[in-house]
C-alpha atoms as a PDB file:
ATOM      1  CA  MET A   1      25.578   6.463 -18.828  1.00  0.00           C
ATOM      2  CA  ALA A   2      26.966   6.250 -15.328  1.00  0.00           C
ATOM      3  CA  GLY A   3      24.423   5.323 -12.680  1.00  0.00           C
ATOM      4  CA  ASP A   4      21.650   2.774 -12.418  1.00  0.00           C
ATOM      5  CA  PHE A   5      19.195   2.161 -15.244  1.00  0.00           C
ATOM      6  CA  GLY A   6      16.935   5.173 -15.728  1.00  0.00           C
ATOM      7  CA  THR A   7      18.772   7.569 -13.376  1.00  0.00           C
ATOM      8  CA  VAL A   8      20.503   9.728 -16.012  1.00  0.00           C
ATOM      9  CA  PHE A   9      18.358  12.217 -17.931  1.00  0.00           C
ATOM     10  CA  MET A  10      18.729  14.654 -20.774  1.00  0.00           C
ATOM     11  CA  PRO A  11      18.836  18.262 -19.476  1.00  0.00           C
ATOM     12  CA  GLU A  12      15.495  19.218 -21.024  1.00  0.00           C
ATOM     13  CA  MET A  13      12.036  17.677 -21.318  1.00  0.00           C
ATOM     14  CA  VAL A  14       9.067  18.674 -23.451  1.00  0.00           C
ATOM     15  CA  LEU A  15       5.661  19.270 -21.890  1.00  0.00           C
ATOM     16  CA  ALA A  16       2.120  20.377 -22.664  1.00  0.00           C
ATOM     17  CA  ARG A  17      -0.676  21.382 -20.294  1.00  0.00           C
ATOM     18  CA  TYR A  18      -4.409  20.731 -20.500  1.00  0.00           C
ATOM     19  CA  ASP A  19      -6.938  23.270 -19.209  1.00  0.00           C
ATOM     20  CA  GLY A  20      -9.911  22.841 -21.488  1.00  0.00           C
ATOM     21  CA  VAL A  21      -7.553  22.635 -24.472  1.00  0.00           C
ATOM     22  CA  TRP A  22      -3.976  21.411 -24.873  1.00  0.00           C
ATOM     23  CA  SER A  23      -1.248  24.061 -24.888  1.00  0.00           C
ATOM     24  CA  GLU A  24       1.549  24.149 -27.412  1.00  0.00           C
ATOM     25  CA  PRO A  25       4.515  21.997 -26.347  1.00  0.00           C
ATOM     26  CA  GLU A  26       7.425  23.769 -24.660  1.00  0.00           C
ATOM     27  CA  TYR A  27      10.898  22.765 -23.547  1.00  0.00           C
ATOM     28  CA  VAL A  28      11.852  23.199 -19.897  1.00  0.00           C
ATOM     29  CA  PRO A  29      14.664  21.926 -17.655  1.00  0.00           C
ATOM     30  CA  SER A  30      14.105  18.266 -16.785  1.00  0.00           C
ATOM     31  CA  ASP A  31      15.141  18.462 -13.137  1.00  0.00           C
ATOM     32  CA  ALA A  32      11.997  20.008 -11.634  1.00  0.00           C
ATOM     33  CA  LEU A  33       8.232  20.450 -11.904  1.00  0.00           C
ATOM     34  CA  THR A  34       6.129  23.035 -10.109  1.00  0.00           C
ATOM     35  CA  MET A  35       2.640  22.062  -9.007  1.00  0.00           C
ATOM     36  CA  HIS A  36       0.230  22.806  -6.197  1.00  0.00           C
ATOM     37  CA  PRO A  37       0.557  20.528  -3.122  1.00  0.00           C
ATOM     38  CA  GLY A  38      -3.148  19.805  -3.546  1.00  0.00           C
ATOM     39  CA  ALA A  39      -2.655  18.500  -7.083  1.00  0.00           C
ATOM     40  CA  HIS A  40      -4.947  15.581  -7.861  1.00  0.00           C
ATOM     41  CA  VAL A  41      -2.038  13.268  -8.747  1.00  0.00           C
ATOM     42  CA  LEU A  42      -0.455  13.660  -5.308  1.00  0.00           C
ATOM     43  CA  HIS A  43      -3.599  12.526  -3.493  1.00  0.00           C
ATOM     44  CA  TYR A  44      -5.562  10.301  -5.855  1.00  0.00           C
ATOM     45  CA  ALA A  45      -2.869   8.744  -8.074  1.00  0.00           C
ATOM     46  CA  SER A  46      -4.114  10.190 -11.373  1.00  0.00           C
ATOM     47  CA  SER A  47      -0.904   9.245 -13.166  1.00  0.00           C
ATOM     48  CA  CYS A  48       0.035   7.042 -16.093  1.00  0.00           C
ATOM     49  CA  PHE A  49       3.106   6.667 -18.266  1.00  0.00           C
ATOM     50  CA  GLU A  50       4.696   4.770 -21.114  1.00  0.00           C
ATOM     51  CA  GLY A  51       8.093   3.258 -21.826  1.00  0.00           C
ATOM     52  CA  LEU A  52       9.579   3.036 -25.306  1.00  0.00           C
ATOM     53  CA  LYS A  53      13.019   3.402 -26.843  1.00  0.00           C
ATOM     54  CA  ALA A  54      14.956   5.134 -29.603  1.00  0.00           C
ATOM     55  CA  PHE A  55      17.785   3.142 -31.196  1.00  0.00           C
ATOM     56  CA  LYS A  56      20.930   4.185 -33.040  1.00  0.00           C
ATOM     57  CA  GLN A  57      20.924   2.387 -36.409  1.00  0.00           C
ATOM     58  CA  GLN A  58      23.982   0.884 -38.020  1.00  0.00           C
ATOM     59  CA  ASP A  59      24.142   3.750 -40.532  1.00  0.00           C
ATOM     60  CA  GLY A  60      24.027   6.351 -37.735  1.00  0.00           C
ATOM     61  CA  ALA A  61      20.338   7.190 -38.066  1.00  0.00           C
ATOM     62  CA  VAL A  62      18.013   7.233 -35.031  1.00  0.00           C
ATOM     63  CA  ALA A  63      14.748   5.297 -35.044  1.00  0.00           C
ATOM     64  CA  LEU A  64      11.734   4.637 -32.818  1.00  0.00           C
ATOM     65  CA  PHE A  65      10.305   1.161 -32.286  1.00  0.00           C
ATOM     66  CA  ARG A  66       6.514   0.746 -32.551  1.00  0.00           C
ATOM     67  CA  ALA A  67       5.862   4.152 -31.010  1.00  0.00           C
ATOM     68  CA  GLU A  68       2.275   4.277 -32.290  1.00  0.00           C
ATOM     69  CA  ARG A  69       1.400   1.190 -30.226  1.00  0.00           C
ATOM     70  CA  ASN A  70       2.807   2.780 -27.079  1.00  0.00           C
ATOM     71  CA  ILE A  71       0.922   6.027 -27.692  1.00  0.00           C
ATOM     72  CA  ALA A  72      -2.337   4.133 -28.226  1.00  0.00           C
ATOM     73  CA  ARG A  73      -1.794   2.360 -24.902  1.00  0.00           C
ATOM     74  CA  PHE A  74      -0.927   5.708 -23.283  1.00  0.00           C
ATOM     75  CA  ALA A  75      -4.260   7.099 -24.475  1.00  0.00           C
ATOM     76  CA  GLN A  76      -6.032   4.005 -23.139  1.00  0.00           C
ATOM     77  CA  SER A  77      -4.404   4.387 -19.712  1.00  0.00           C
ATOM     78  CA  SER A  78      -5.371   8.077 -19.609  1.00  0.00           C
ATOM     79  CA  ASP A  79      -8.955   7.204 -20.498  1.00  0.00           C
ATOM     80  CA  LEU A  80      -9.217   4.436 -17.882  1.00  0.00           C
ATOM     81  CA  LEU A  81      -7.878   6.840 -15.227  1.00  0.00           C
ATOM     82  CA  CYS A  82     -10.393   9.512 -16.350  1.00  0.00           C
ATOM     83  CA  LEU A  83      -7.587  11.916 -17.204  1.00  0.00           C
ATOM     84  CA  PRO A  84      -8.172  14.409 -20.042  1.00  0.00           C
ATOM     85  CA  MET A  85      -7.935  12.663 -23.395  1.00  0.00           C
ATOM     86  CA  ILE A  86      -4.524  13.048 -24.986  1.00  0.00           C
ATOM     87  CA  ASP A  87      -4.017  13.995 -28.621  1.00  0.00           C
ATOM     88  CA  GLN A  88      -2.189  10.924 -29.916  1.00  0.00           C
ATOM     89  CA  GLY A  89      -0.780  12.660 -32.977  1.00  0.00           C
ATOM     90  CA  ALA A  90       0.490  15.617 -30.963  1.00  0.00           C
ATOM     91  CA  THR A  91       1.978  13.312 -28.314  1.00  0.00           C
ATOM     92  CA  LEU A  92       3.832  11.317 -30.954  1.00  0.00           C
ATOM     93  CA  GLY A  93       5.052  14.607 -32.392  1.00  0.00           C
ATOM     94  CA  MET A  94       6.420  15.633 -28.981  1.00  0.00           C
ATOM     95  CA  ILE A  95       8.281  12.329 -28.717  1.00  0.00           C
ATOM     96  CA  GLU A  96       9.730  12.549 -32.206  1.00  0.00           C
ATOM     97  CA  ASP A  97      10.760  16.178 -31.709  1.00  0.00           C
ATOM     98  CA  ILE A  98      12.615  15.645 -28.432  1.00  0.00           C
ATOM     99  CA  VAL A  99      14.379  12.548 -29.776  1.00  0.00           C
ATOM    100  CA  LYS A 100      15.525  14.585 -32.785  1.00  0.00           C
ATOM    101  CA  ARG A 101      16.631  17.360 -30.417  1.00  0.00           C
ATOM    102  CA  PHE A 102      18.891  14.931 -28.539  1.00  0.00           C
ATOM    103  CA  ALA A 103      19.689  12.592 -31.416  1.00  0.00           C
ATOM    104  CA  ALA A 104      23.415  13.049 -30.874  1.00  0.00           C
ATOM    105  CA  GLU A 105      22.996  11.656 -27.343  1.00  0.00           C
ATOM    106  CA  VAL A 106      21.337   8.402 -28.422  1.00  0.00           C
ATOM    107  CA  PRO A 107      23.990   5.793 -27.533  1.00  0.00           C
ATOM    108  CA  ASP A 108      25.283   3.117 -29.867  1.00  0.00           C
ATOM    109  CA  ALA A 109      24.075  -0.477 -29.616  1.00  0.00           C
ATOM    110  CA  PRO A 110      23.673  -2.341 -27.330  1.00  0.00           C
ATOM    111  CA  ALA A 111      22.514   0.759 -25.428  1.00  0.00           C
ATOM    112  CA  SER A 112      19.495   2.907 -26.327  1.00  0.00           C
ATOM    113  CA  MET A 113      17.540   6.026 -25.371  1.00  0.00           C
ATOM    114  CA  TYR A 114      14.656   5.247 -23.038  1.00  0.00           C
ATOM    115  CA  ILE A 115      11.611   7.497 -23.535  1.00  0.00           C
ATOM    116  CA  ARG A 116       9.154   8.116 -20.687  1.00  0.00           C
ATOM    117  CA  PRO A 117       5.951  10.026 -21.579  1.00  0.00           C
ATOM    118  CA  THR A 118       3.975  10.779 -18.406  1.00  0.00           C
ATOM    119  CA  HIS A 119       0.469  12.170 -17.860  1.00  0.00           C
ATOM    120  CA  ILE A 120      -0.656  13.490 -14.462  1.00  0.00           C
ATOM    121  CA  GLY A 121      -3.716  15.221 -13.027  1.00  0.00           C
ATOM    122  CA  THR A 122      -2.803  18.672 -11.767  1.00  0.00           C
ATOM    123  CA  GLU A 123      -6.033  20.251 -10.517  1.00  0.00           C
ATOM    124  CA  ALA A 124      -5.655  21.575  -6.963  1.00  0.00           C
ATOM    125  CA  ALA A 125      -8.736  19.944  -5.485  1.00  0.00           C
ATOM    126  CA  ILE A 126      -8.359  17.633  -2.495  1.00  0.00           C
ATOM    127  CA  GLY A 127     -12.135  17.224  -2.398  1.00  0.00           C
ATOM    128  CA  LYS A 128     -12.098  15.334  -5.694  1.00  0.00           C
ATOM    129  CA  ALA A 129     -11.546  11.816  -4.377  1.00  0.00           C
ATOM    130  CA  ALA A 130     -14.527  10.686  -6.442  1.00  0.00           C
ATOM    131  CA  ALA A 131     -14.046  12.984  -9.433  1.00  0.00           C
ATOM    132  CA  PRO A 132     -11.369  13.361 -12.099  1.00  0.00           C
ATOM    133  CA  SER A 133      -8.871  16.156 -12.443  1.00  0.00           C
ATOM    134  CA  ALA A 134     -10.024  18.865 -14.840  1.00  0.00           C
ATOM    135  CA  THR A 135      -6.451  19.846 -15.674  1.00  0.00           C
ATOM    136  CA  SER A 136      -3.374  17.810 -16.472  1.00  0.00           C
ATOM    137  CA  LEU A 137       0.244  17.867 -17.543  1.00  0.00           C
ATOM    138  CA  LEU A 138       1.912  15.659 -20.141  1.00  0.00           C
ATOM    139  CA  TYR A 139       5.697  15.563 -20.319  1.00  0.00           C
ATOM    140  CA  VAL A 140       8.367  13.459 -22.001  1.00  0.00           C
ATOM    141  CA  LEU A 141      11.685  12.518 -20.376  1.00  0.00           C
ATOM    142  CA  LEU A 142      14.681  10.949 -22.102  1.00  0.00           C
ATOM    143  CA  SER A 143      17.198   8.690 -20.377  1.00  0.00           C
ATOM    144  CA  PRO A 144      20.162   6.967 -22.094  1.00  0.00           C
ATOM    145  CA  VAL A 145      20.323   3.389 -20.822  1.00  0.00           C
ATOM    146  CA  GLY A 146      22.396   0.249 -21.122  1.00  0.00           C
ATOM    147  CA  ASP A 147      21.412  -3.267 -20.065  1.00  0.00           C
ATOM    148  CA  TYR A 148      18.608  -3.391 -17.511  1.00  0.00           C
ATOM    149  CA  PHE A 149      20.479  -6.117 -15.632  1.00  0.00           C
ATOM    150  CA  ALA A 150      23.898  -4.864 -14.594  1.00  0.00           C
ATOM    151  CA  GLY A 151      25.496  -8.318 -14.597  1.00  0.00           C
ATOM    152  CA  GLY A 152      24.694  -9.039 -18.234  1.00  0.00           C
ATOM    153  CA  GLU A 153      22.363 -11.872 -19.255  1.00  0.00           C
ATOM    154  CA  ALA A 154      19.825 -12.543 -16.538  1.00  0.00           C
ATOM    155  CA  SER A 155      18.700 -15.839 -15.034  1.00  0.00           C
ATOM    156  CA  LEU A 156      16.067 -14.637 -12.626  1.00  0.00           C
ATOM    157  CA  ARG A 157      14.566 -16.151  -9.506  1.00  0.00           C
ATOM    158  CA  VAL A 158      10.785 -15.638  -9.583  1.00  0.00           C
ATOM    159  CA  LEU A 159       8.343 -16.351  -6.753  1.00  0.00           C
ATOM    160  CA  LEU A 160       4.926 -17.715  -7.726  1.00  0.00           C
ATOM    161  CA  ASP A 161       2.366 -15.844  -5.609  1.00  0.00           C
ATOM    162  CA  THR A 162      -1.151 -17.316  -5.641  1.00  0.00           C
ATOM    163  CA  GLU A 163      -2.483 -15.065  -2.862  1.00  0.00           C
ATOM    164  CA  GLY A 164      -1.283 -11.526  -3.558  1.00  0.00           C
ATOM    165  CA  VAL A 165      -2.491  -9.424  -6.481  1.00  0.00           C
ATOM    166  CA  ARG A 166      -0.583  -6.922  -8.573  1.00  0.00           C
ATOM    167  CA  CYS A 167      -3.562  -4.573  -8.815  1.00  0.00           C
ATOM    168  CA  GLY A 168      -7.341  -4.521  -9.141  1.00  0.00           C
ATOM    169  CA  ALA A 169      -8.486  -7.087 -11.684  1.00  0.00           C
ATOM    170  CA  ASP A 170     -10.263  -4.461 -13.792  1.00  0.00           C
ATOM    171  CA  HIS A 171      -7.329  -2.040 -13.660  1.00  0.00           C
ATOM    172  CA  GLY A 172      -4.482  -4.152 -15.024  1.00  0.00           C
ATOM    173  CA  MET A 173      -4.505  -2.611 -18.497  1.00  0.00           C
ATOM    174  CA  VAL A 174      -3.535   0.766 -17.010  1.00  0.00           C
ATOM    175  CA  LYS A 175       0.178   1.529 -17.064  1.00  0.00           C
ATOM    176  CA  GLY A 176      -0.153   3.657 -13.969  1.00  0.00           C
ATOM    177  CA  GLY A 177       2.024   4.378 -10.981  1.00  0.00           C
ATOM    178  CA  GLY A 178      -0.595   3.019  -8.579  1.00  0.00           C
ATOM    179  CA  ASN A 179      -0.347  -0.467 -10.081  1.00  0.00           C
ATOM    180  CA  TYR A 180       3.408  -0.571  -9.593  1.00  0.00           C
ATOM    181  CA  ALA A 181       3.058   0.762  -6.046  1.00  0.00           C
ATOM    182  CA  SER A 182       0.535  -1.926  -5.092  1.00  0.00           C
ATOM    183  CA  ALA A 183       2.870  -4.671  -6.324  1.00  0.00           C
ATOM    184  CA  LEU A 184       5.914  -3.359  -4.500  1.00  0.00           C
ATOM    185  CA  LYS A 185       5.187  -4.792  -1.038  1.00  0.00           C
ATOM    186  CA  HIS A 186       4.897  -8.273  -2.524  1.00  0.00           C
ATOM    187  CA  ILE A 187       8.168  -7.882  -4.425  1.00  0.00           C
ATOM    188  CA  MET A 188      10.035  -6.599  -1.367  1.00  0.00           C
ATOM    189  CA  ARG A 189       8.741  -9.483   0.746  1.00  0.00           C
ATOM    190  CA  ALA A 190       9.774 -11.997  -1.918  1.00  0.00           C
ATOM    191  CA  GLN A 191      13.242 -10.496  -2.051  1.00  0.00           C
ATOM    192  CA  ALA A 192      13.660 -10.605   1.718  1.00  0.00           C
ATOM    193  CA  GLU A 193      12.177 -14.059   2.343  1.00  0.00           C
ATOM    194  CA  HIS A 194      13.123 -15.950  -0.830  1.00  0.00           C
ATOM    195  CA  GLN A 195      15.946 -13.938  -2.454  1.00  0.00           C
ATOM    196  CA  ALA A 196      13.626 -13.603  -5.439  1.00  0.00           C
ATOM    197  CA  ASP A 197      14.161 -11.053  -8.192  1.00  0.00           C
ATOM    198  CA  GLN A 198      10.488 -10.741  -9.041  1.00  0.00           C
ATOM    199  CA  VAL A 199       7.004 -12.035  -8.228  1.00  0.00           C
ATOM    200  CA  LEU A 200       4.838 -13.797 -10.794  1.00  0.00           C
ATOM    201  CA  PHE A 201       1.294 -13.102  -9.661  1.00  0.00           C
ATOM    202  CA  CYS A 202      -0.971 -16.120 -10.094  1.00  0.00           C
ATOM    203  CA  PRO A 203      -4.483 -15.082  -9.040  1.00  0.00           C
ATOM    204  CA  GLY A 204      -6.775 -18.081  -8.798  1.00  0.00           C
ATOM    205  CA  GLY A 205      -3.782 -20.344  -9.394  1.00  0.00           C
ATOM    206  CA  PHE A 206      -3.095 -19.181 -12.967  1.00  0.00           C
ATOM    207  CA  ALA A 207       0.096 -17.425 -14.136  1.00  0.00           C
ATOM    208  CA  GLN A 208      -0.569 -13.772 -14.956  1.00  0.00           C
ATOM    209  CA  GLU A 209       2.377 -11.329 -14.994  1.00  0.00           C
ATOM    210  CA  THR A 210       5.055  -9.942 -12.697  1.00  0.00           C
ATOM    211  CA  GLY A 211       5.075  -6.502 -11.159  1.00  0.00           C
ATOM    212  CA  ALA A 212       6.650  -5.015 -14.272  1.00  0.00           C
ATOM    213  CA  ALA A 213       6.726  -7.562 -17.103  1.00  0.00           C
ATOM    214  CA  ASN A 214       4.744 -10.137 -19.064  1.00  0.00           C
ATOM    215  CA  PHE A 215       5.545 -13.850 -18.626  1.00  0.00           C
ATOM    216  CA  ILE A 216       6.130 -16.513 -21.279  1.00  0.00           C
ATOM    217  CA  LEU A 217       6.946 -20.234 -21.117  1.00  0.00           C
ATOM    218  CA  VAL A 218       8.540 -22.208 -23.968  1.00  0.00           C
ATOM    219  CA  GLU A 219       8.374 -26.001 -23.874  1.00  0.00           C
ATOM    220  CA  GLY A 220       7.772 -28.794 -26.357  1.00  0.00           C
ATOM    221  CA  GLY A 221       7.631 -26.475 -29.349  1.00  0.00           C
ATOM    222  CA  GLU A 222       4.996 -24.234 -27.752  1.00  0.00           C
ATOM    223  CA  LEU A 223       5.224 -20.705 -26.434  1.00  0.00           C
ATOM    224  CA  ILE A 224       2.506 -20.282 -23.804  1.00  0.00           C
ATOM    225  CA  THR A 225       1.380 -16.947 -22.375  1.00  0.00           C
ATOM    226  CA  LYS A 226      -1.759 -15.556 -20.778  1.00  0.00           C
ATOM    227  CA  PRO A 227      -4.461 -14.393 -23.198  1.00  0.00           C
ATOM    228  CA  LEU A 228      -5.157 -10.680 -23.339  1.00  0.00           C
ATOM    229  CA  ASP A 229      -7.774  -9.403 -20.900  1.00  0.00           C
ATOM    230  CA  GLU A 230      -8.190  -6.325 -18.727  1.00  0.00           C
ATOM    231  CA  SER A 231      -6.348  -7.811 -15.730  1.00  0.00           C
ATOM    232  CA  PHE A 232      -2.803  -7.244 -17.011  1.00  0.00           C
ATOM    233  CA  LEU A 233      -0.750  -4.979 -19.246  1.00  0.00           C
ATOM    234  CA  HIS A 234      -0.731  -5.698 -22.972  1.00  0.00           C
ATOM    235  CA  GLY A 235       2.979  -5.440 -23.675  1.00  0.00           C
ATOM    236  CA  VAL A 236       4.287  -4.139 -26.988  1.00  0.00           C
ATOM    237  CA  THR A 237       7.452  -6.219 -26.528  1.00  0.00           C
ATOM    238  CA  ARG A 238       5.311  -9.270 -25.755  1.00  0.00           C
ATOM    239  CA  ASP A 239       3.334  -8.775 -28.959  1.00  0.00           C
ATOM    240  CA  SER A 240       6.523  -8.348 -31.009  1.00  0.00           C
ATOM    241  CA  LEU A 241       8.140 -11.476 -29.595  1.00  0.00           C
ATOM    242  CA  LEU A 242       5.025 -13.570 -30.213  1.00  0.00           C
ATOM    243  CA  GLU A 243       5.115 -12.544 -33.867  1.00  0.00           C
ATOM    244  CA  LEU A 244       8.784 -13.493 -34.167  1.00  0.00           C
ATOM    245  CA  ALA A 245       8.138 -16.792 -32.364  1.00  0.00           C
ATOM    246  CA  ARG A 246       5.484 -17.724 -34.924  1.00  0.00           C
ATOM    247  CA  GLU A 247       7.942 -16.969 -37.714  1.00  0.00           C
ATOM    248  CA  ASP A 248      10.495 -19.216 -35.999  1.00  0.00           C
ATOM    249  CA  GLY A 249       8.045 -22.116 -36.100  1.00  0.00           C
ATOM    250  CA  LEU A 250       6.927 -22.084 -32.473  1.00  0.00           C
ATOM    251  CA  THR A 251       3.252 -22.721 -31.768  1.00  0.00           C
ATOM    252  CA  VAL A 252       2.085 -19.636 -29.872  1.00  0.00           C
ATOM    253  CA  VAL A 253      -0.679 -20.507 -27.412  1.00  0.00           C
ATOM    254  CA  GLU A 254      -2.441 -17.696 -25.552  1.00  0.00           C
ATOM    255  CA  ARG A 255      -4.332 -19.432 -22.744  1.00  0.00           C
ATOM    256  CA  GLU A 256      -4.602 -19.716 -18.994  1.00  0.00           C
ATOM    257  CA  LEU A 257      -1.637 -21.584 -17.493  1.00  0.00           C
ATOM    258  CA  PRO A 258      -2.265 -23.284 -14.117  1.00  0.00           C
ATOM    259  CA  VAL A 259       0.597 -23.173 -11.623  1.00  0.00           C
ATOM    260  CA  ALA A 260       0.714 -26.988 -11.426  1.00  0.00           C
ATOM    261  CA  GLU A 261       1.135 -27.266 -15.188  1.00  0.00           C
ATOM    262  CA  LEU A 262       3.677 -24.442 -15.235  1.00  0.00           C
ATOM    263  CA  LEU A 263       5.857 -26.220 -12.665  1.00  0.00           C
ATOM    264  CA  GLU A 264       5.509 -29.587 -14.390  1.00  0.00           C
ATOM    265  CA  ARG A 265       6.402 -28.288 -17.847  1.00  0.00           C
ATOM    266  CA  ALA A 266       9.120 -25.926 -16.596  1.00  0.00           C
ATOM    267  CA  ALA A 267      10.934 -28.907 -15.026  1.00  0.00           C
ATOM    268  CA  ARG A 268      11.306 -30.697 -18.368  1.00  0.00           C
ATOM    269  CA  PRO A 269      14.672 -30.639 -20.197  1.00  0.00           C
ATOM    270  CA  GLY A 270      14.904 -27.753 -22.648  1.00  0.00           C
ATOM    271  CA  ALA A 271      12.129 -25.727 -21.040  1.00  0.00           C
ATOM    272  CA  GLU A 272      12.629 -21.955 -20.966  1.00  0.00           C
ATOM    273  CA  ALA A 273      10.757 -19.117 -19.284  1.00  0.00           C
ATOM    274  CA  GLY A 274      11.144 -15.380 -19.594  1.00  0.00           C
ATOM    275  CA  LEU A 275       9.887 -11.915 -18.698  1.00  0.00           C
ATOM    276  CA  THR A 276       9.226  -9.444 -21.493  1.00  0.00           C
ATOM    277  CA  GLY A 277       9.126  -5.661 -21.428  1.00  0.00           C
ATOM    278  CA  THR A 278      10.632  -2.519 -22.925  1.00  0.00           C
ATOM    279  CA  ALA A 279      13.367  -2.143 -20.323  1.00  0.00           C
ATOM    280  CA  ALA A 280      14.621  -5.729 -20.096  1.00  0.00           C
ATOM    281  CA  VAL A 281      13.391  -6.838 -23.563  1.00  0.00           C
ATOM    282  CA  LEU A 282      13.421 -10.574 -22.712  1.00  0.00           C
ATOM    283  CA  ALA A 283      14.980 -11.756 -19.470  1.00  0.00           C
ATOM    284  CA  ALA A 284      15.367 -15.475 -18.754  1.00  0.00           C
ATOM    285  CA  VAL A 285      13.811 -17.008 -15.652  1.00  0.00           C
ATOM    286  CA  GLY A 286      16.108 -19.699 -14.253  1.00  0.00           C
ATOM    287  CA  THR A 287      14.214 -20.623 -11.101  1.00  0.00           C
ATOM    288  CA  LEU A 288      10.566 -20.641 -10.016  1.00  0.00           C
ATOM    289  CA  ILE A 289       9.953 -20.541  -6.263  1.00  0.00           C
ATOM    290  CA  HIS A 290       6.801 -22.232  -4.964  1.00  0.00           C
ATOM    291  CA  GLY A 291       5.801 -24.066  -1.806  1.00  0.00           C
ATOM    292  CA  GLY A 292       9.065 -23.109  -0.113  1.00  0.00           C
ATOM    293  CA  ARG A 293      11.131 -24.867  -2.814  1.00  0.00           C
ATOM    294  CA  ASP A 294      13.234 -23.853  -5.764  1.00  0.00           C
ATOM    295  CA  HIS A 295      12.094 -25.314  -9.089  1.00  0.00           C
ATOM    296  CA  PRO A 296      14.726 -24.920 -11.841  1.00  0.00           C
ATOM    297  CA  VAL A 297      13.388 -24.041 -15.278  1.00  0.00           C
ATOM    298  CA  GLY A 298      14.914 -26.487 -17.747  1.00  0.00           C
ATOM    299  CA  GLU A 299      18.662 -26.344 -17.191  1.00  0.00           C
ATOM    300  CA  GLY A 300      18.256 -23.404 -14.791  1.00  0.00           C
ATOM    301  CA  ARG A 301      19.787 -20.786 -17.060  1.00  0.00           C
ATOM    302  CA  ALA A 302      19.106 -18.778 -20.201  1.00  0.00           C
ATOM    303  CA  GLY A 303      18.315 -21.045 -23.146  1.00  0.00           C
ATOM    304  CA  PRO A 304      18.800 -20.833 -26.911  1.00  0.00           C
ATOM    305  CA  ILE A 305      15.173 -20.263 -27.958  1.00  0.00           C
ATOM    306  CA  LEU A 306      14.469 -17.154 -25.914  1.00  0.00           C
ATOM    307  CA  ARG A 307      18.000 -15.882 -26.453  1.00  0.00           C
ATOM    308  CA  GLY A 308      17.432 -16.222 -30.190  1.00  0.00           C
ATOM    309  CA  LEU A 309      14.131 -14.329 -30.016  1.00  0.00           C
ATOM    310  CA  ARG A 310      15.742 -11.529 -28.025  1.00  0.00           C
ATOM    311  CA  ASP A 311      18.628 -11.303 -30.498  1.00  0.00           C
ATOM    312  CA  ARG A 312      16.226 -11.190 -33.457  1.00  0.00           C
ATOM    313  CA  LEU A 313      14.195  -8.391 -31.894  1.00  0.00           C
ATOM    314  CA  ASN A 314      17.319  -6.418 -30.972  1.00  0.00           C
ATOM    315  CA  ALA A 315      18.669  -6.801 -34.502  1.00  0.00           C
ATOM    316  CA  ILE A 316      15.501  -5.229 -35.918  1.00  0.00           C
ATOM    317  CA  GLN A 317      15.588  -2.430 -33.346  1.00  0.00           C
ATOM    318  CA  TRP A 318      19.245  -1.565 -34.048  1.00  0.00           C
ATOM    319  CA  GLY A 319      18.887  -1.855 -37.810  1.00  0.00           C
ATOM    320  CA  SER A 320      21.187  -4.844 -38.283  1.00  0.00           C
ATOM    321  CA  ALA A 321      18.318  -6.979 -39.654  1.00  0.00           C
ATOM    322  CA  PRO A 322      15.546  -6.057 -42.108  1.00  0.00           C
ATOM    323  CA  ASP A 323      12.348  -4.645 -40.623  1.00  0.00           C
ATOM    324  CA  THR A 324       9.748  -6.689 -42.487  1.00  0.00           C
ATOM    325  CA  HIS A 325       6.958  -5.721 -40.066  1.00  0.00           C
ATOM    326  CA  GLY A 326       7.011  -1.920 -40.353  1.00  0.00           C
ATOM    327  CA  TRP A 327       7.983  -1.548 -36.714  1.00  0.00           C
ATOM    328  CA  ILE A 328      10.793   0.991 -37.168  1.00  0.00           C
ATOM    329  CA  THR A 329      10.296   4.733 -37.735  1.00  0.00           C
ATOM    330  CA  ARG A 330      13.506   6.465 -38.795  1.00  0.00           C
ATOM    331  CA  LEU A 331      13.752  10.038 -37.541  1.00  0.00           C
ATOM    332  CA  VAL A 332      17.195  11.448 -38.354  1.00  0.00           C
END
């Protein structure tokens, strides 16, 4: 797995095309796509994707984690972007088939096989700025990955941004390339000016999410996170961790969290904050940056509560702990 996270790929990908009906899936080399330069996706950002993982189990089997939830979100993103409706069952079948095809390449824990289904509009029609693409392409890439953070356990510096926005408020539920692109300028500025690792967008003065992950705060026996609405991505990892937190006796509170309260509670001893997502799973936030100052979170490093939640989730994913939730689908 030499190279940065997500830069090594299996030699083949599986794809299907839509032109009135979906074609049968086919395997092609994963290093190139051919499309017209006028393809809708290249001009009007008709593109969405998903991120999920396959895990090598302790007995050598390979399993997917909550793939149905990711496929449902993939269908939702396609619908919100007015792309042709995907066949969820067929898409899941494509994912299962390619993972089986490369099962021998799924790395042992703590690594995994990252799975990237992608759906793009392919109609050659540069006059369709106000109309959807009539044709599309759905493909699935595989990439063996290790830890998202090369240095091991993260303790991130996160800038609180009350002025910038990650994306349009009614578009946040889309896992689309355009949303990540619109957040990038804010992230790059935060890195250059504040040596921040990420930006926590706080529209209206309330904590929302970063450019690529959901945000949680643990303090005083509570786990606080933004309630689900259409302004941000509904993370599968977030949902899984909230369930485990309830089982651990934490009071899970899904509500708006004002920046002033976030800073006040984060400064208390024992406070912990983290970013959740498929790639990083649960990464600790050690410092919040606001008003030109650094505000340490708790002791300023990864803490035992979030570390314990991450370890519990990983244990289920790698088959070293019982799956009492029905989250794991064993393939081979």
